[in-house]
Amino acid sequence: MRIEAYTQIQQMYGASKPNNKAASVKGADFKDKLQISNTGKDLQVAKQAVADAPDIREDKIAAIKQRLENGTYEVSGEEFAQKMMERLGQALA
């Protein structure tokens, strides 16, 4: 089937008209907003505090090193085994 009067059909369906409905809306001056809740702000502060904290507690390390050098650092076998079992329980949970 061949359509001879293509321009007439195009006019009938309004295919040549540009769609300016979005531009014709009055008062459509919308702006995006970002609002962070107080909980979100507190979370950001907490994350920053953790990031700023040192990974190694130098005071604890120094005290243990001193006790090792003096020969006064003692670890109970029972306490060591108990800690190992606790860690294993946490890993399996």
PDB file of N, CA and C in Angstrom:
ATOM      1  N   MET A   1       0.849  -1.174   0.000  1.00  0.00           N
ATOM      2  CA  MET A   1       0.000   0.000   0.000  1.00  0.00           C
ATOM      3  C   MET A   1       0.889   1.229   0.000  1.00  0.00           C
ATOM      4  N   ARG A   2       0.549   2.164  -0.837  1.00  0.00           N
ATOM      5  CA  ARG A   2       1.343   3.370  -0.968  1.00  0.00           C
ATOM      6  C   ARG A   2       0.493   4.574  -0.601  1.00  0.00           C
ATOM      7  N   ILE A   3       1.058   5.448   0.222  1.00  0.00           N
ATOM      8  CA  ILE A   3       0.331   6.650   0.629  1.00  0.00           C
ATOM      9  C   ILE A   3       0.919   7.817  -0.127  1.00  0.00           C
ATOM     10  N   GLU A   4       0.085   8.470  -0.940  1.00  0.00           N
ATOM     11  CA  GLU A   4       0.537   9.567  -1.795  1.00  0.00           C
ATOM     12  C   GLU A   4       0.529  10.898  -1.051  1.00  0.00           C
ATOM     13  N   ALA A   5      -0.439  11.103  -0.207  1.00  0.00           N
ATOM     14  CA  ALA A   5      -0.599  12.408   0.437  1.00  0.00           C
ATOM     15  C   ALA A   5       0.020  12.381   1.834  1.00  0.00           C
ATOM     16  N   TYR A   6       1.327  12.161   1.870  1.00  0.00           N
ATOM     17  CA  TYR A   6       2.034  12.058   3.142  1.00  0.00           C
ATOM     18  C   TYR A   6       1.953  13.347   3.955  1.00  0.00           C
ATOM     19  N   THR A   7       2.091  14.492   3.326  1.00  0.00           N
ATOM     20  CA  THR A   7       2.055  15.766   4.055  1.00  0.00           C
ATOM     21  C   THR A   7       0.693  16.024   4.648  1.00  0.00           C
ATOM     22  N   GLN A   8      -0.370  15.599   3.970  1.00  0.00           N
ATOM     23  CA  GLN A   8      -1.708  15.782   4.519  1.00  0.00           C
ATOM     24  C   GLN A   8      -1.916  14.903   5.747  1.00  0.00           C
ATOM     25  N   ILE A   9      -1.414  13.697   5.713  1.00  0.00           N
ATOM     26  CA  ILE A   9      -1.536  12.804   6.869  1.00  0.00           C
ATOM     27  C   ILE A   9      -0.694  13.333   8.023  1.00  0.00           C
ATOM     28  N   GLN A  10       0.477  13.852   7.696  1.00  0.00           N
ATOM     29  CA  GLN A  10       1.343  14.423   8.710  1.00  0.00           C
ATOM     30  C   GLN A  10       0.667  15.606   9.395  1.00  0.00           C
ATOM     31  N   GLN A  11      -0.015  16.416   8.633  1.00  0.00           N
ATOM     32  CA  GLN A  11      -0.731  17.552   9.196  1.00  0.00           C
ATOM     33  C   GLN A  11      -1.900  17.080  10.046  1.00  0.00           C
ATOM     34  N   MET A  12      -2.554  16.035   9.613  1.00  0.00           N
ATOM     35  CA  MET A  12      -3.708  15.528  10.347  1.00  0.00           C
ATOM     36  C   MET A  12      -3.309  15.061  11.740  1.00  0.00           C
ATOM     37  N   TYR A  13      -2.206  14.377  11.822  1.00  0.00           N
ATOM     38  CA  TYR A  13      -1.755  13.865  13.117  1.00  0.00           C
ATOM     39  C   TYR A  13      -0.868  14.852  13.871  1.00  0.00           C
ATOM     40  N   GLY A  14      -0.536  15.945  13.285  1.00  0.00           N
ATOM     41  CA  GLY A  14       0.259  16.969  13.965  1.00  0.00           C
ATOM     42  C   GLY A  14       1.680  16.528  14.240  1.00  0.00           C
ATOM     43  N   ALA A  15       2.235  15.710  13.380  1.00  0.00           N
ATOM     44  CA  ALA A  15       3.586  15.198  13.602  1.00  0.00           C
ATOM     45  C   ALA A  15       4.644  16.263  13.421  1.00  0.00           C
ATOM     46  N   SER A  16       4.343  17.302  12.690  1.00  0.00           N
ATOM     47  CA  SER A  16       5.360  18.322  12.455  1.00  0.00           C
ATOM     48  C   SER A  16       5.393  19.372  13.553  1.00  0.00           C
ATOM     49  N   LYS A  17       4.432  19.351  14.479  1.00  0.00           N
ATOM     50  CA  LYS A  17       4.417  20.322  15.572  1.00  0.00           C
ATOM     51  C   LYS A  17       5.420  19.916  16.644  1.00  0.00           C
ATOM     52  N   PRO A  18       6.226  20.841  17.064  1.00  0.00           N
ATOM     53  CA  PRO A  18       7.125  20.510  18.175  1.00  0.00           C
ATOM     54  C   PRO A  18       6.333  20.447  19.472  1.00  0.00           C
ATOM     55  N   ASN A  19       6.737  19.570  20.352  1.00  0.00           N
ATOM     56  CA  ASN A  19       6.061  19.381  21.622  1.00  0.00           C
ATOM     57  C   ASN A  19       6.651  20.336  22.651  1.00  0.00           C
ATOM     58  N   ASN A  20       5.960  21.433  22.911  1.00  0.00           N
ATOM     59  CA  ASN A  20       6.440  22.450  23.842  1.00  0.00           C
ATOM     60  C   ASN A  20       5.610  22.489  25.113  1.00  0.00           C
ATOM     61  N   LYS A  21       5.026  21.363  25.499  1.00  0.00           N
ATOM     62  CA  LYS A  21       4.194  21.350  26.704  1.00  0.00           C
ATOM     63  C   LYS A  21       5.014  21.639  27.950  1.00  0.00           C
ATOM     64  N   ALA A  22       6.227  21.121  28.009  1.00  0.00           N
ATOM     65  CA  ALA A  22       7.063  21.350  29.183  1.00  0.00           C
ATOM     66  C   ALA A  22       7.436  22.818  29.315  1.00  0.00           C
ATOM     67  N   ALA A  23       7.641  23.502  28.199  1.00  0.00           N
ATOM     68  CA  ALA A  23       8.023  24.902  28.240  1.00  0.00           C
ATOM     69  C   ALA A  23       6.834  25.807  28.530  1.00  0.00           C
ATOM     70  N   SER A  24       5.622  25.324  28.284  1.00  0.00           N
ATOM     71  CA  SER A  24       4.456  26.173  28.454  1.00  0.00           C
ATOM     72  C   SER A  24       3.937  26.202  29.885  1.00  0.00           C
ATOM     73  N   VAL A  25       4.461  25.378  30.768  1.00  0.00           N
ATOM     74  CA  VAL A  25       4.024  25.363  32.164  1.00  0.00           C
ATOM     75  C   VAL A  25       4.576  26.602  32.846  1.00  0.00           C
ATOM     76  N   LYS A  26       3.691  27.389  33.418  1.00  0.00           N
ATOM     77  CA  LYS A  26       4.109  28.614  34.086  1.00  0.00           C
ATOM     78  C   LYS A  26       4.447  28.318  35.544  1.00  0.00           C
ATOM     79  N   GLY A  27       5.439  28.980  36.032  1.00  0.00           N
ATOM     80  CA  GLY A  27       5.845  28.816  37.428  1.00  0.00           C
ATOM     81  C   GLY A  27       6.579  27.504  37.657  1.00  0.00           C
ATOM     82  N   ALA A  28       7.143  26.938  36.648  1.00  0.00           N
ATOM     83  CA  ALA A  28       7.835  25.656  36.783  1.00  0.00           C
ATOM     84  C   ALA A  28       9.317  25.868  37.037  1.00  0.00           C
ATOM     85  N   ASP A  29       9.644  26.771  37.917  1.00  0.00           N
ATOM     86  CA  ASP A  29      11.037  27.052  38.247  1.00  0.00           C
ATOM     87  C   ASP A  29      11.419  26.210  39.463  1.00  0.00           C
ATOM     88  N   PHE A  30      11.616  24.910  39.240  1.00  0.00           N
ATOM     89  CA  PHE A  30      11.921  23.985  40.319  1.00  0.00           C
ATOM     90  C   PHE A  30      13.422  23.893  40.521  1.00  0.00           C
ATOM     91  N   LYS A  31      13.823  23.744  41.766  1.00  0.00           N
ATOM     92  CA  LYS A  31      15.231  23.555  42.097  1.00  0.00           C
ATOM     93  C   LYS A  31      15.349  22.338  43.010  1.00  0.00           C
ATOM     94  N   ASP A  32      16.403  21.605  42.835  1.00  0.00           N
ATOM     95  CA  ASP A  32      16.652  20.458  43.690  1.00  0.00           C
ATOM     96  C   ASP A  32      17.129  20.933  45.054  1.00  0.00           C
ATOM     97  N   LYS A  33      16.757  20.183  46.087  1.00  0.00           N
ATOM     98  CA  LYS A  33      17.188  20.497  47.442  1.00  0.00           C
ATOM     99  C   LYS A  33      17.766  19.242  48.071  1.00  0.00           C
ATOM    100  N   LEU A  34      18.704  19.425  48.944  1.00  0.00           N
ATOM    101  CA  LEU A  34      19.282  18.335  49.705  1.00  0.00           C
ATOM    102  C   LEU A  34      19.176  18.689  51.176  1.00  0.00           C
ATOM    103  N   GLN A  35      18.492  17.829  51.910  1.00  0.00           N
ATOM    104  CA  GLN A  35      18.354  18.042  53.341  1.00  0.00           C
ATOM    105  C   GLN A  35      18.896  16.805  54.051  1.00  0.00           C
ATOM    106  N   ILE A  36      19.820  17.014  54.959  1.00  0.00           N
ATOM    107  CA  ILE A  36      20.401  15.920  55.727  1.00  0.00           C
ATOM    108  C   ILE A  36      19.831  15.990  57.135  1.00  0.00           C
ATOM    109  N   SER A  37      19.301  14.870  57.601  1.00  0.00           N
ATOM    110  CA  SER A  37      18.695  14.829  58.929  1.00  0.00           C
ATOM    111  C   SER A  37      19.768  14.969  60.002  1.00  0.00           C
ATOM    112  N   ASN A  38      19.318  15.223  61.221  1.00  0.00           N
ATOM    113  CA  ASN A  38      20.258  15.337  62.340  1.00  0.00           C
ATOM    114  C   ASN A  38      20.980  14.015  62.561  1.00  0.00           C
ATOM    115  N   THR A  39      20.272  12.913  62.368  1.00  0.00           N
ATOM    116  CA  THR A  39      20.905  11.608  62.519  1.00  0.00           C
ATOM    117  C   THR A  39      21.993  11.430  61.475  1.00  0.00           C
ATOM    118  N   GLY A  40      21.730  11.856  60.253  1.00  0.00           N
ATOM    119  CA  GLY A  40      22.732  11.783  59.196  1.00  0.00           C
ATOM    120  C   GLY A  40      23.940  12.634  59.502  1.00  0.00           C
ATOM    121  N   LYS A  41      23.704  13.817  60.050  1.00  0.00           N
ATOM    122  CA  LYS A  41      24.820  14.700  60.414  1.00  0.00           C
ATOM    123  C   LYS A  41      25.652  14.083  61.544  1.00  0.00           C
ATOM    124  N   ASP A  42      24.958  13.498  62.540  1.00  0.00           N
ATOM    125  CA  ASP A  42      25.670  12.839  63.638  1.00  0.00           C
ATOM    126  C   ASP A  42      26.507  11.671  63.117  1.00  0.00           C
ATOM    127  N   LEU A  43      25.955  10.938  62.163  1.00  0.00           N
ATOM    128  CA  LEU A  43      26.676   9.815  61.584  1.00  0.00           C
ATOM    129  C   LEU A  43      27.923  10.293  60.847  1.00  0.00           C
ATOM    130  N   GLN A  44      27.817  11.413  60.139  1.00  0.00           N
ATOM    131  CA  GLN A  44      28.985  11.961  59.449  1.00  0.00           C
ATOM    132  C   GLN A  44      30.071  12.371  60.445  1.00  0.00           C
ATOM    133  N   VAL A  45      29.671  12.973  61.557  1.00  0.00           N
ATOM    134  CA  VAL A  45      30.637  13.388  62.577  1.00  0.00           C
ATOM    135  C   VAL A  45      31.315  12.159  63.187  1.00  0.00           C
ATOM    136  N   ALA A  46      30.519  11.114  63.461  1.00  0.00           N
ATOM    137  CA  ALA A  46      31.081   9.893  64.044  1.00  0.00           C
ATOM    138  C   ALA A  46      32.050   9.212  63.074  1.00  0.00           C
ATOM    139  N   LYS A  47      31.680   9.162  61.810  1.00  0.00           N
ATOM    140  CA  LYS A  47      32.568   8.545  60.815  1.00  0.00           C
ATOM    141  C   LYS A  47      33.873   9.322  60.703  1.00  0.00           C
ATOM    142  N   GLN A  48      33.804  10.631  60.769  1.00  0.00           N
ATOM    143  CA  GLN A  48      35.013  11.449  60.689  1.00  0.00           C
ATOM    144  C   GLN A  48      35.889  11.238  61.918  1.00  0.00           C
ATOM    145  N   ALA A  49      35.268  11.105  63.096  1.00  0.00           N
ATOM    146  CA  ALA A  49      36.041  10.874  64.319  1.00  0.00           C
ATOM    147  C   ALA A  49      36.761   9.534  64.250  1.00  0.00           C
ATOM    148  N   VAL A  50      36.105   8.518  63.729  1.00  0.00           N
ATOM    149  CA  VAL A  50      36.741   7.205  63.586  1.00  0.00           C
ATOM    150  C   VAL A  50      37.875   7.274  62.570  1.00  0.00           C
ATOM    151  N   ALA A  51      37.651   7.997  61.484  1.00  0.00           N
ATOM    152  CA  ALA A  51      38.685   8.122  60.460  1.00  0.00           C
ATOM    153  C   ALA A  51      39.903   8.873  60.987  1.00  0.00           C
ATOM    154  N   ASP A  52      39.688   9.825  61.891  1.00  0.00           N
ATOM    155  CA  ASP A  52      40.788  10.612  62.440  1.00  0.00           C
ATOM    156  C   ASP A  52      41.546   9.884  63.550  1.00  0.00           C
ATOM    157  N   ALA A  53      40.911   8.867  64.157  1.00  0.00           N
ATOM    158  CA  ALA A  53      41.554   8.126  65.247  1.00  0.00           C
ATOM    159  C   ALA A  53      42.675   7.253  64.692  1.00  0.00           C
ATOM    160  N   PRO A  54      43.767   7.141  65.428  1.00  0.00           N
ATOM    161  CA  PRO A  54      44.863   6.292  64.945  1.00  0.00           C
ATOM    162  C   PRO A  54      44.461   4.816  64.992  1.00  0.00           C
ATOM    163  N   ASP A  55      45.007   4.036  64.051  1.00  0.00           N
ATOM    164  CA  ASP A  55      44.701   2.610  63.998  1.00  0.00           C
ATOM    165  C   ASP A  55      45.413   1.832  65.100  1.00  0.00           C
ATOM    166  N   ILE A  56      46.552   2.331  65.547  1.00  0.00           N
ATOM    167  CA  ILE A  56      47.341   1.651  66.567  1.00  0.00           C
ATOM    168  C   ILE A  56      47.388   2.521  67.809  1.00  0.00           C
ATOM    169  N   ARG A  57      47.078   1.924  68.945  1.00  0.00           N
ATOM    170  CA  ARG A  57      47.131   2.658  70.206  1.00  0.00           C
ATOM    171  C   ARG A  57      48.552   2.557  70.756  1.00  0.00           C
ATOM    172  N   GLU A  58      49.322   3.579  70.482  1.00  0.00           N
ATOM    173  CA  GLU A  58      50.735   3.594  70.818  1.00  0.00           C
ATOM    174  C   GLU A  58      50.986   3.424  72.320  1.00  0.00           C
ATOM    175  N   ASP A  59      50.114   3.976  73.159  1.00  0.00           N
ATOM    176  CA  ASP A  59      50.309   3.868  74.604  1.00  0.00           C
ATOM    177  C   ASP A  59      50.210   2.417  75.069  1.00  0.00           C
ATOM    178  N   LYS A  60      49.260   1.664  74.513  1.00  0.00           N
ATOM    179  CA  LYS A  60      49.124   0.252  74.871  1.00  0.00           C
ATOM    180  C   LYS A  60      50.325  -0.549  74.388  1.00  0.00           C
ATOM    181  N   ILE A  61      50.755  -0.275  73.168  1.00  0.00           N
ATOM    182  CA  ILE A  61      51.886  -0.993  72.587  1.00  0.00           C
ATOM    183  C   ILE A  61      53.155  -0.730  73.405  1.00  0.00           C
ATOM    184  N   ALA A  62      53.368   0.516  73.789  1.00  0.00           N
ATOM    185  CA  ALA A  62      54.563   0.865  74.561  1.00  0.00           C
ATOM    186  C   ALA A  62      54.567   0.150  75.915  1.00  0.00           C
ATOM    187  N   ALA A  63      53.420   0.087  76.561  1.00  0.00           N
ATOM    188  CA  ALA A  63      53.349  -0.570  77.870  1.00  0.00           C
ATOM    189  C   ALA A  63      53.632  -2.070  77.742  1.00  0.00           C
ATOM    190  N   ILE A  64      53.084  -2.707  76.720  1.00  0.00           N
ATOM    191  CA  ILE A  64      53.321  -4.144  76.536  1.00  0.00           C
ATOM    192  C   ILE A  64      54.780  -4.404  76.166  1.00  0.00           C
ATOM    193  N   LYS A  65      55.356  -3.571  75.311  1.00  0.00           N
ATOM    194  CA  LYS A  65      56.767  -3.729  74.953  1.00  0.00           C
ATOM    195  C   LYS A  65      57.661  -3.612  76.190  1.00  0.00           C
ATOM    196  N   GLN A  66      57.345  -2.652  77.045  1.00  0.00           N
ATOM    197  CA  GLN A  66      58.135  -2.454  78.265  1.00  0.00           C
ATOM    198  C   GLN A  66      58.049  -3.686  79.159  1.00  0.00           C
ATOM    199  N   ARG A  67      56.850  -4.235  79.303  1.00  0.00           N
ATOM    200  CA  ARG A  67      56.676  -5.433  80.140  1.00  0.00           C
ATOM    201  C   ARG A  67      57.384  -6.640  79.522  1.00  0.00           C
ATOM    202  N   LEU A  68      57.378  -6.746  78.192  1.00  0.00           N
ATOM    203  CA  LEU A  68      58.090  -7.841  77.527  1.00  0.00           C
ATOM    204  C   LEU A  68      59.593  -7.742  77.762  1.00  0.00           C
ATOM    205  N   GLU A  69      60.119  -6.520  77.639  1.00  0.00           N
ATOM    206  CA  GLU A  69      61.550  -6.318  77.849  1.00  0.00           C
ATOM    207  C   GLU A  69      61.962  -6.588  79.290  1.00  0.00           C
ATOM    208  N   ASN A  70      61.092  -6.260  80.244  1.00  0.00           N
ATOM    209  CA  ASN A  70      61.391  -6.480  81.662  1.00  0.00           C
ATOM    210  C   ASN A  70      61.161  -7.934  82.068  1.00  0.00           C
ATOM    211  N   GLY A  71      60.435  -8.675  81.221  1.00  0.00           N
ATOM    212  CA  GLY A  71      60.128 -10.063  81.566  1.00  0.00           C
ATOM    213  C   GLY A  71      58.949 -10.188  82.507  1.00  0.00           C
ATOM    214  N   THR A  72      58.159  -9.139  82.628  1.00  0.00           N
ATOM    215  CA  THR A  72      57.016  -9.170  83.544  1.00  0.00           C
ATOM    216  C   THR A  72      55.691  -9.413  82.826  1.00  0.00           C
ATOM    217  N   TYR A  73      55.732  -9.627  81.527  1.00  0.00           N
ATOM    218  CA  TYR A  73      54.494  -9.852  80.762  1.00  0.00           C
ATOM    219  C   TYR A  73      54.155 -11.333  80.818  1.00  0.00           C
ATOM    220  N   GLU A  74      53.027 -11.642  81.416  1.00  0.00           N
ATOM    221  CA  GLU A  74      52.613 -13.035  81.549  1.00  0.00           C
ATOM    222  C   GLU A  74      51.199 -13.189  81.002  1.00  0.00           C
ATOM    223  N   VAL A  75      51.006 -14.289  80.287  1.00  0.00           N
ATOM    224  CA  VAL A  75      49.689 -14.593  79.737  1.00  0.00           C
ATOM    225  C   VAL A  75      49.293 -15.966  80.255  1.00  0.00           C
ATOM    226  N   SER A  76      48.112 -16.025  80.834  1.00  0.00           N
ATOM    227  CA  SER A  76      47.597 -17.294  81.327  1.00  0.00           C
ATOM    228  C   SER A  76      47.154 -18.140  80.138  1.00  0.00           C
ATOM    229  N   GLY A  77      47.512 -19.424  80.167  1.00  0.00           N
ATOM    230  CA  GLY A  77      47.086 -20.335  79.103  1.00  0.00           C
ATOM    231  C   GLY A  77      45.571 -20.445  79.028  1.00  0.00           C
ATOM    232  N   GLU A  78      44.924 -20.413  80.189  1.00  0.00           N
ATOM    233  CA  GLU A  78      43.461 -20.505  80.234  1.00  0.00           C
ATOM    234  C   GLU A  78      42.814 -19.264  79.619  1.00  0.00           C
ATOM    235  N   GLU A  79      43.344 -18.095  79.939  1.00  0.00           N
ATOM    236  CA  GLU A  79      42.804 -16.862  79.367  1.00  0.00           C
ATOM    237  C   GLU A  79      43.003 -16.843  77.852  1.00  0.00           C
ATOM    238  N   PHE A  80      44.163 -17.294  77.396  1.00  0.00           N
ATOM    239  CA  PHE A  80      44.452 -17.338  75.973  1.00  0.00           C
ATOM    240  C   PHE A  80      43.479 -18.280  75.250  1.00  0.00           C
ATOM    241  N   ALA A  81      43.258 -19.461  75.822  1.00  0.00           N
ATOM    242  CA  ALA A  81      42.333 -20.429  75.219  1.00  0.00           C
ATOM    243  C   ALA A  81      40.912 -19.875  75.220  1.00  0.00           C
ATOM    244  N   GLN A  82      40.515 -19.212  76.308  1.00  0.00           N
ATOM    245  CA  GLN A  82      39.174 -18.633  76.392  1.00  0.00           C
ATOM    246  C   GLN A  82      38.971 -17.579  75.311  1.00  0.00           C
ATOM    247  N   LYS A  83      39.942 -16.719  75.114  1.00  0.00           N
ATOM    248  CA  LYS A  83      39.851 -15.684  74.072  1.00  0.00           C
ATOM    249  C   LYS A  83      39.771 -16.312  72.686  1.00  0.00           C
ATOM    250  N   MET A  84      40.552 -17.382  72.463  1.00  0.00           N
ATOM    251  CA  MET A  84      40.508 -18.062  71.176  1.00  0.00           C
ATOM    252  C   MET A  84      39.116 -18.640  70.914  1.00  0.00           C
ATOM    253  N   MET A  85      38.528 -19.236  71.925  1.00  0.00           N
ATOM    254  CA  MET A  85      37.181 -19.834  71.778  1.00  0.00           C
ATOM    255  C   MET A  85      36.128 -18.753  71.537  1.00  0.00           C
ATOM    256  N   GLU A  86      36.255 -17.625  72.196  1.00  0.00           N
ATOM    257  CA  GLU A  86      35.333 -16.507  71.969  1.00  0.00           C
ATOM    258  C   GLU A  86      35.426 -16.013  70.527  1.00  0.00           C
ATOM    259  N   ARG A  87      36.643 -15.835  70.037  1.00  0.00           N
ATOM    260  CA  ARG A  87      36.825 -15.376  68.654  1.00  0.00           C
ATOM    261  C   ARG A  87      36.281 -16.398  67.651  1.00  0.00           C
ATOM    262  N   LEU A  88      36.502 -17.688  67.943  1.00  0.00           N
ATOM    263  CA  LEU A  88      35.986 -18.737  67.060  1.00  0.00           C
ATOM    264  C   LEU A  88      34.466 -18.707  67.055  1.00  0.00           C
ATOM    265  N   GLY A  89      33.863 -18.519  68.207  1.00  0.00           N
ATOM    266  CA  GLY A  89      32.405 -18.430  68.295  1.00  0.00           C
ATOM    267  C   GLY A  89      31.855 -17.242  67.521  1.00  0.00           C
ATOM    268  N   GLN A  90      32.544 -16.108  67.578  1.00  0.00           N
ATOM    269  CA  GLN A  90      32.116 -14.920  66.831  1.00  0.00           C
ATOM    270  C   GLN A  90      32.258 -15.134  65.325  1.00  0.00           C
ATOM    271  N   ALA A  91      33.320 -15.816  64.924  1.00  0.00           N
ATOM    272  CA  ALA A  91      33.562 -16.052  63.499  1.00  0.00           C
ATOM    273  C   ALA A  91      32.527 -17.015  62.910  1.00  0.00           C
ATOM    274  N   LEU A  92      32.098 -17.981  63.702  1.00  0.00           N
ATOM    275  CA  LEU A  92      31.128 -18.965  63.224  1.00  0.00           C
ATOM    276  C   LEU A  92      29.701 -18.457  63.280  1.00  0.00           C
ATOM    277  N   ALA A  93      29.445 -17.425  64.074  1.00  0.00           N
ATOM    278  CA  ALA A  93      28.077 -16.903  64.227  1.00  0.00           C
ATOM    279  C   ALA A  93      27.638 -16.093  63.042  1.00  0.00           C
TER     280      ALA A  93
END
